Amino acid sequence: MLAGCGGGSDNGDGNGDGGGDGGDGPSSDDEAWTDVSEFYLEGRVEAWTFVEPSDVVGGMENPTITLIEGNEYDFTWVNSDGVTHNLEIRDENDEVVEDYQSDDVGTEGEEASIEGLVATPEMTTYICQFHPSTQVGDIEVRSE
């Protein structure tokens, strides 16, 4: 499975995956983001796959997500492959913002979450520290 991690480096630019599917996905100014407060993801070595909100990013791998500055969000994810993962929110210096990181989970079907995340402009990336080239996507924070 780790070979898939290395082999998926093109997917590591997975933000490109979001862009590649961009015709179906929302743009950064799409009003659909205004009502979003919860995200549900599946964690696999190959990518983060978003399940909810289904009408905004459902089924997309590593999409760019838009958060509204000052709004509160919950991120819940499920381990979908039995390999250890976590979810971290990082800034442009690749540092975890405000300790927004989930527990490490290595059991398939087990969930972890980041609750009460308040969006700030310094947030630029969501990532798994164990698979940073394949489980990574951009965060855009905009003011309402």
Protein backbone atom coordinates (compact mmCIF):
# COMPACT_ATOMS: atom_id res chain seq x y z
CA MET A 1 0.00 0.00 0.00
CA LEU A 2 2.85 2.37 0.63
CA ALA A 3 3.92 1.85 -2.95
CA GLY A 4 0.54 3.32 -3.88
CA CYS A 5 1.39 6.31 -1.74
CA GLY A 6 4.59 6.92 -3.69
CA GLY A 7 3.01 6.02 -7.00
CA GLY A 8 0.19 8.43 -6.39
CA SER A 9 2.33 11.53 -6.37
CA ASP A 10 0.46 12.84 -9.40
CA ASN A 11 -2.62 12.49 -7.28
CA GLY A 12 -0.68 14.32 -4.57
CA ASP A 13 -1.22 17.31 -6.70
CA GLY A 14 -4.68 15.98 -5.99
CA ASN A 15 -5.81 19.49 -5.75
CA GLY A 16 -5.57 18.98 -9.48
CA ASP A 17 -8.07 16.18 -9.05
CA GLY A 18 -10.44 18.70 -7.56
CA GLY A 19 -9.63 20.99 -10.43
CA GLY A 20 -10.01 18.18 -12.93
CA ASP A 21 -13.47 17.53 -11.59
CA GLY A 22 -13.93 21.28 -11.28
CA GLY A 23 -16.58 21.35 -13.94
CA ASP A 24 -18.80 19.44 -11.55
CA GLY A 25 -17.54 21.03 -8.36
CA PRO A 26 -18.33 24.41 -6.89
CA SER A 27 -16.22 27.46 -7.56
CA SER A 28 -14.71 29.39 -4.69
CA ASP A 29 -17.47 32.01 -4.95
CA ASP A 30 -20.29 29.47 -5.12
CA GLU A 31 -23.06 30.26 -2.64
CA ALA A 32 -23.34 26.54 -1.86
CA TRP A 33 -20.46 26.95 0.61
CA THR A 34 -22.44 29.43 2.72
CA ASP A 35 -24.62 26.74 4.31
CA VAL A 36 -21.84 24.18 4.89
CA SER A 37 -20.89 23.49 8.51
CA GLU A 38 -20.00 19.79 8.48
CA PHE A 39 -17.71 17.67 6.32
CA TYR A 40 -17.58 13.87 6.20
CA LEU A 41 -14.61 12.22 4.49
CA GLU A 42 -13.30 8.74 3.78
CA GLY A 43 -9.58 8.31 4.43
CA ARG A 44 -7.58 6.03 2.13
CA VAL A 45 -3.91 6.07 1.20
CA GLU A 46 -4.90 7.12 -2.32
CA ALA A 47 -6.90 10.22 -1.34
CA TRP A 48 -9.42 11.89 0.92
CA THR A 49 -12.83 11.24 -0.61
CA PHE A 50 -15.51 13.67 0.47
CA VAL A 51 -18.93 12.18 1.21
CA GLU A 52 -20.68 15.21 2.73
CA PRO A 53 -21.76 17.81 1.87
CA SER A 54 -22.82 15.66 -1.07
CA ASP A 55 -24.30 18.54 -3.07
CA VAL A 56 -21.04 20.49 -2.90
CA VAL A 57 -18.12 18.01 -2.89
CA GLY A 58 -19.69 14.54 -2.65
CA GLY A 59 -17.54 11.88 -4.34
CA MET A 60 -14.65 14.24 -5.04
CA GLU A 61 -11.06 13.34 -4.17
CA ASN A 62 -8.96 16.02 -2.47
CA PRO A 63 -11.13 18.93 -3.66
CA THR A 64 -10.39 22.52 -2.82
CA ILE A 65 -12.85 23.43 -0.09
CA THR A 66 -14.08 26.90 0.81
CA LEU A 67 -14.61 27.99 4.41
CA ILE A 68 -16.24 31.24 5.50
CA GLU A 69 -14.02 33.24 7.86
CA GLY A 70 -15.32 33.10 11.43
CA ASN A 71 -17.73 30.22 10.77
CA GLU A 72 -17.47 27.02 12.79
CA TYR A 73 -17.00 23.62 11.14
CA ASP A 74 -16.87 19.95 12.10
CA PHE A 75 -14.73 17.52 10.09
CA THR A 76 -15.43 13.82 10.62
CA TRP A 77 -13.64 11.11 8.71
CA VAL A 78 -13.74 7.32 8.60
CA ASN A 79 -10.77 5.03 8.02
CA SER A 80 -11.61 3.21 4.79
CA ASP A 81 -8.52 1.03 4.33
CA GLY A 82 -7.16 -0.03 7.73
CA VAL A 83 -3.97 2.03 7.32
CA THR A 84 -3.12 4.72 9.90
CA HIS A 85 -4.32 8.22 8.98
CA ASN A 86 -5.05 11.53 10.64
CA LEU A 87 -6.45 14.85 9.48
CA GLU A 88 -4.62 18.12 10.07
CA ILE A 89 -5.42 21.71 9.11
CA ARG A 90 -2.21 23.55 8.22
CA ASP A 91 -1.04 27.02 7.29
CA GLU A 92 1.26 28.19 4.48
CA ASN A 93 4.29 27.28 6.63
CA ASP A 94 3.04 23.67 6.85
CA GLU A 95 2.30 24.06 10.57
CA VAL A 96 -0.88 22.82 12.26
CA VAL A 97 -3.27 25.72 12.90
CA GLU A 98 -4.63 26.07 16.47
CA ASP A 99 -4.10 22.35 17.20
CA TYR A 100 -6.73 21.46 14.59
CA GLN A 101 -5.78 17.83 14.10
CA SER A 102 -7.61 14.57 14.62
CA ASP A 103 -6.44 11.49 16.44
CA ASP A 104 -4.47 8.90 14.48
CA VAL A 105 -6.76 6.06 13.40
CA GLY A 106 -5.54 2.74 11.97
CA THR A 107 -8.64 0.55 12.20
CA GLU A 108 -10.92 0.28 9.18
CA GLY A 109 -14.36 1.68 9.97
CA GLU A 110 -13.16 3.77 12.92
CA GLU A 111 -13.95 7.49 12.87
CA ALA A 112 -12.11 10.56 14.12
CA SER A 113 -13.02 14.22 14.01
CA ILE A 114 -12.03 17.83 14.40
CA GLU A 115 -14.92 19.66 16.02
CA GLY A 116 -15.46 23.37 16.50
CA LEU A 117 -12.90 24.49 13.94
CA VAL A 118 -13.26 28.25 13.42
CA ALA A 119 -12.14 29.29 9.93
CA THR A 120 -9.27 31.78 9.78
CA PRO A 121 -7.35 33.16 6.78
CA GLU A 122 -4.18 31.32 7.81
CA MET A 123 -5.75 27.94 6.94
CA THR A 124 -4.47 26.75 3.57
CA THR A 125 -4.37 22.94 3.58
CA TYR A 126 -6.03 19.81 4.93
CA ILE A 127 -3.67 16.83 4.99
CA CYS A 128 -2.85 13.41 6.42
CA GLN A 129 0.60 13.56 8.03
CA PHE A 130 1.21 9.90 7.07
CA HIS A 131 0.37 10.28 3.35
CA PRO A 132 1.14 13.92 2.54
CA SER A 133 1.57 13.40 -1.19
CA THR A 134 -1.81 11.74 -1.75
CA GLN A 135 -4.14 12.84 1.06
CA VAL A 136 -3.93 16.59 0.69
CA GLY A 137 -6.15 19.40 -0.53
CA ASP A 138 -6.39 23.17 -0.51
CA ILE A 139 -8.53 25.32 1.75
CA GLU A 140 -9.75 28.72 0.62
CA VAL A 141 -11.04 30.98 3.38
CA ARG A 142 -13.22 33.87 2.30
CA SER A 143 -15.09 36.53 4.18
CA GLU A 144 -18.85 36.48 3.98
